[in-house]
């Protein structure tokens, strides 16, 4: 859910796609790097891939799957 243009300043809309997922994934990566500041970009990528949940869609629709922040941050 995100802000949507409209007459009222309090309008929201359901949206999807990379423009909606990028801030969420970036925030998860920031949390990960706060916990493990010496982690390389390759390690971050692998950790994201390994902690994602397959939602049963074709890869061109789901990418690596659903982000699981709890699993991402576990040791």
N, C-alpha and C. Protein backbone atom coordinates (compact mmCIF):
# COMPACT_ATOMS: atom_id res chain seq x y z
N UNK A 1 0.85 -1.17 0.00
CA UNK A 1 0.00 0.00 0.00
C UNK A 1 0.90 1.23 0.00
N UNK A 2 0.56 2.19 -0.86
CA UNK A 2 1.36 3.41 -0.96
C UNK A 2 0.45 4.60 -1.21
N UNK A 3 1.02 5.77 -1.08
CA UNK A 3 0.28 7.00 -1.37
C UNK A 3 -0.14 7.00 -2.83
N UNK A 4 -1.30 7.59 -3.08
CA UNK A 4 -1.80 7.69 -4.45
C UNK A 4 -2.28 9.12 -4.68
N UNK A 5 -2.09 9.63 -5.89
CA UNK A 5 -2.56 10.99 -6.16
C UNK A 5 -4.08 11.05 -6.12
N UNK A 6 -4.58 12.13 -5.61
CA UNK A 6 -6.02 12.30 -5.53
C UNK A 6 -6.38 13.62 -4.88
N UNK A 7 -7.65 13.84 -4.71
CA UNK A 7 -8.13 15.08 -4.11
C UNK A 7 -7.73 15.14 -2.63
N UNK A 8 -7.97 14.06 -1.93
CA UNK A 8 -7.65 14.00 -0.50
C UNK A 8 -6.17 13.68 -0.31
N UNK A 9 -5.57 14.21 0.71
CA UNK A 9 -4.16 13.93 1.01
C UNK A 9 -3.99 12.57 1.66
N UNK A 10 -5.07 11.90 1.97
CA UNK A 10 -5.00 10.63 2.67
C UNK A 10 -5.44 9.46 1.80
N UNK A 11 -5.17 9.52 0.54
CA UNK A 11 -5.56 8.43 -0.35
C UNK A 11 -4.39 7.48 -0.54
N UNK A 12 -4.71 6.19 -0.54
CA UNK A 12 -3.71 5.14 -0.71
C UNK A 12 -4.21 4.16 -1.77
N UNK A 13 -3.28 3.42 -2.34
CA UNK A 13 -3.64 2.41 -3.34
C UNK A 13 -2.72 1.21 -3.20
N UNK A 14 -3.25 0.06 -3.59
CA UNK A 14 -2.42 -1.15 -3.64
C UNK A 14 -1.62 -1.10 -4.92
N UNK A 15 -0.33 -1.30 -4.81
CA UNK A 15 0.55 -1.28 -5.97
C UNK A 15 1.48 -2.47 -5.90
N UNK A 16 2.13 -2.77 -7.01
CA UNK A 16 3.09 -3.87 -7.03
C UNK A 16 4.19 -3.54 -8.03
N UNK A 17 5.20 -4.37 -8.04
CA UNK A 17 6.30 -4.19 -8.98
C UNK A 17 7.58 -3.77 -8.28
N UNK A 18 8.60 -3.57 -9.09
CA UNK A 18 9.92 -3.27 -8.54
C UNK A 18 9.97 -1.93 -7.82
N UNK A 19 9.17 -0.97 -8.25
CA UNK A 19 9.20 0.33 -7.57
C UNK A 19 8.64 0.23 -6.16
N UNK A 20 7.84 -0.77 -5.89
CA UNK A 20 7.31 -0.99 -4.54
C UNK A 20 8.22 -1.92 -3.74
N UNK A 21 8.85 -2.87 -4.37
CA UNK A 21 9.68 -3.83 -3.64
C UNK A 21 11.08 -3.29 -3.32
N UNK A 22 11.59 -2.42 -4.16
CA UNK A 22 12.96 -1.92 -3.96
C UNK A 22 13.16 -1.27 -2.59
N UNK A 23 12.29 -0.38 -2.13
CA UNK A 23 12.51 0.21 -0.81
C UNK A 23 12.47 -0.81 0.33
N UNK A 24 11.61 -1.81 0.20
CA UNK A 24 11.49 -2.84 1.23
C UNK A 24 12.76 -3.69 1.28
N UNK A 25 13.22 -4.12 0.12
CA UNK A 25 14.43 -4.94 0.05
C UNK A 25 15.65 -4.13 0.50
N UNK A 26 15.70 -2.86 0.11
CA UNK A 26 16.81 -2.00 0.54
C UNK A 26 16.83 -1.86 2.05
N UNK A 27 15.67 -1.71 2.66
CA UNK A 27 15.59 -1.64 4.11
C UNK A 27 16.05 -2.92 4.78
N UNK A 28 15.68 -4.07 4.20
CA UNK A 28 16.11 -5.36 4.73
C UNK A 28 17.63 -5.50 4.62
N UNK A 29 18.19 -5.06 3.52
CA UNK A 29 19.64 -5.10 3.34
C UNK A 29 20.32 -4.18 4.35
N UNK A 30 19.74 -3.02 4.62
CA UNK A 30 20.30 -2.11 5.62
C UNK A 30 20.32 -2.78 7.00
N UNK A 31 19.25 -3.48 7.35
CA UNK A 31 19.23 -4.22 8.62
C UNK A 31 20.30 -5.30 8.64
N UNK A 32 20.42 -6.02 7.53
CA UNK A 32 21.43 -7.08 7.44
C UNK A 32 22.84 -6.52 7.61
N UNK A 33 23.13 -5.41 6.93
CA UNK A 33 24.46 -4.82 7.02
C UNK A 33 24.70 -4.15 8.37
N UNK A 34 23.64 -3.76 9.06
CA UNK A 34 23.81 -3.25 10.42
C UNK A 34 24.27 -4.36 11.36
N UNK A 35 23.75 -5.55 11.10
CA UNK A 35 24.10 -6.71 11.93
C UNK A 35 25.45 -7.29 11.52
N UNK A 36 25.74 -7.28 10.21
CA UNK A 36 26.98 -7.85 9.67
C UNK A 36 27.65 -6.83 8.76
N UNK A 37 28.30 -5.81 9.33
CA UNK A 37 28.84 -4.71 8.52
C UNK A 37 29.96 -5.10 7.56
N UNK A 38 30.61 -6.23 7.77
CA UNK A 38 31.71 -6.64 6.89
C UNK A 38 31.24 -7.54 5.75
N UNK A 39 29.95 -7.74 5.63
CA UNK A 39 29.42 -8.63 4.59
C UNK A 39 29.63 -8.01 3.20
N UNK A 40 30.06 -8.82 2.26
CA UNK A 40 30.29 -8.35 0.88
C UNK A 40 28.97 -8.31 0.11
N UNK A 41 29.01 -7.64 -1.02
CA UNK A 41 27.80 -7.58 -1.85
C UNK A 41 27.40 -8.97 -2.35
N UNK A 42 28.36 -9.81 -2.61
CA UNK A 42 28.06 -11.18 -3.06
C UNK A 42 27.38 -11.96 -1.92
N UNK A 43 27.88 -11.79 -0.70
CA UNK A 43 27.28 -12.46 0.45
C UNK A 43 25.85 -11.96 0.69
N UNK A 44 25.62 -10.68 0.52
CA UNK A 44 24.27 -10.12 0.68
C UNK A 44 23.33 -10.75 -0.35
N UNK A 45 23.78 -10.80 -1.59
CA UNK A 45 22.96 -11.38 -2.66
C UNK A 45 22.62 -12.84 -2.37
N UNK A 46 23.62 -13.61 -1.96
CA UNK A 46 23.39 -15.03 -1.65
C UNK A 46 22.44 -15.18 -0.48
N UNK A 47 22.60 -14.35 0.52
CA UNK A 47 21.74 -14.41 1.71
C UNK A 47 20.30 -14.08 1.33
N UNK A 48 20.11 -13.08 0.48
CA UNK A 48 18.76 -12.74 0.02
C UNK A 48 18.13 -13.92 -0.72
N UNK A 49 18.90 -14.51 -1.60
CA UNK A 49 18.39 -15.64 -2.39
C UNK A 49 18.04 -16.83 -1.51
N UNK A 50 18.92 -17.16 -0.57
CA UNK A 50 18.71 -18.33 0.29
C UNK A 50 17.57 -18.15 1.28
N UNK A 51 17.26 -16.92 1.65
CA UNK A 51 16.23 -16.69 2.66
C UNK A 51 14.85 -16.41 2.05
N UNK A 52 14.77 -16.30 0.74
CA UNK A 52 13.48 -16.02 0.09
C UNK A 52 12.60 -17.26 0.05
N UNK A 53 11.31 -17.04 0.06
CA UNK A 53 10.32 -18.12 0.04
C UNK A 53 9.75 -18.24 -1.36
N UNK A 54 9.86 -19.43 -1.94
CA UNK A 54 9.29 -19.69 -3.27
C UNK A 54 7.77 -19.67 -3.14
N UNK A 55 7.11 -18.81 -3.90
CA UNK A 55 5.65 -18.71 -3.83
C UNK A 55 4.95 -19.45 -4.97
N UNK A 56 5.73 -20.26 -5.69
CA UNK A 56 5.14 -21.12 -6.70
C UNK A 56 4.79 -20.46 -8.02
N UNK A 57 5.35 -19.30 -8.27
CA UNK A 57 5.11 -18.60 -9.53
C UNK A 57 6.32 -18.76 -10.43
N UNK A 58 6.18 -18.55 -11.73
CA UNK A 58 7.35 -18.58 -12.61
C UNK A 58 8.38 -17.54 -12.16
N UNK A 59 9.65 -17.84 -12.37
CA UNK A 59 10.71 -16.95 -11.90
C UNK A 59 10.58 -15.54 -12.49
N UNK A 60 10.10 -15.43 -13.73
CA UNK A 60 9.96 -14.09 -14.31
C UNK A 60 8.84 -13.29 -13.65
N UNK A 61 8.03 -13.93 -12.80
CA UNK A 61 6.99 -13.23 -12.04
C UNK A 61 7.38 -13.02 -10.58
N UNK A 62 8.09 -13.97 -10.00
CA UNK A 62 8.38 -13.89 -8.57
C UNK A 62 9.84 -13.62 -8.25
N UNK A 63 10.73 -13.64 -9.24
CA UNK A 63 12.15 -13.49 -8.94
C UNK A 63 12.60 -14.62 -8.04
N UNK A 64 13.27 -14.27 -6.95
CA UNK A 64 13.69 -15.31 -5.99
C UNK A 64 12.59 -15.69 -5.03
N UNK A 65 11.49 -14.94 -5.04
CA UNK A 65 10.37 -15.26 -4.17
C UNK A 65 10.06 -14.14 -3.20
N UNK A 66 9.40 -14.50 -2.13
CA UNK A 66 8.96 -13.57 -1.10
C UNK A 66 10.08 -13.32 -0.10
N UNK A 67 10.37 -12.07 0.16
CA UNK A 67 11.41 -11.71 1.11
C UNK A 67 11.01 -12.16 2.51
N UNK A 68 11.91 -12.87 3.19
CA UNK A 68 11.69 -13.30 4.56
C UNK A 68 12.77 -12.66 5.42
N UNK A 69 12.46 -11.50 5.99
CA UNK A 69 13.45 -10.71 6.74
C UNK A 69 13.92 -11.46 7.98
N UNK A 70 13.01 -12.14 8.66
CA UNK A 70 13.41 -12.89 9.86
C UNK A 70 14.47 -13.94 9.52
N UNK A 71 14.25 -14.69 8.47
CA UNK A 71 15.23 -15.69 8.04
C UNK A 71 16.51 -15.03 7.53
N UNK A 72 16.39 -13.89 6.86
CA UNK A 72 17.54 -13.16 6.34
C UNK A 72 18.49 -12.77 7.47
N UNK A 73 17.94 -12.37 8.61
CA UNK A 73 18.75 -11.86 9.72
C UNK A 73 19.23 -12.93 10.69
N UNK A 74 18.75 -14.17 10.54
CA UNK A 74 19.20 -15.25 11.41
C UNK A 74 20.62 -15.64 11.08
N UNK A 75 21.34 -16.10 12.10
CA UNK A 75 22.73 -16.50 11.89
C UNK A 75 22.83 -17.86 11.24
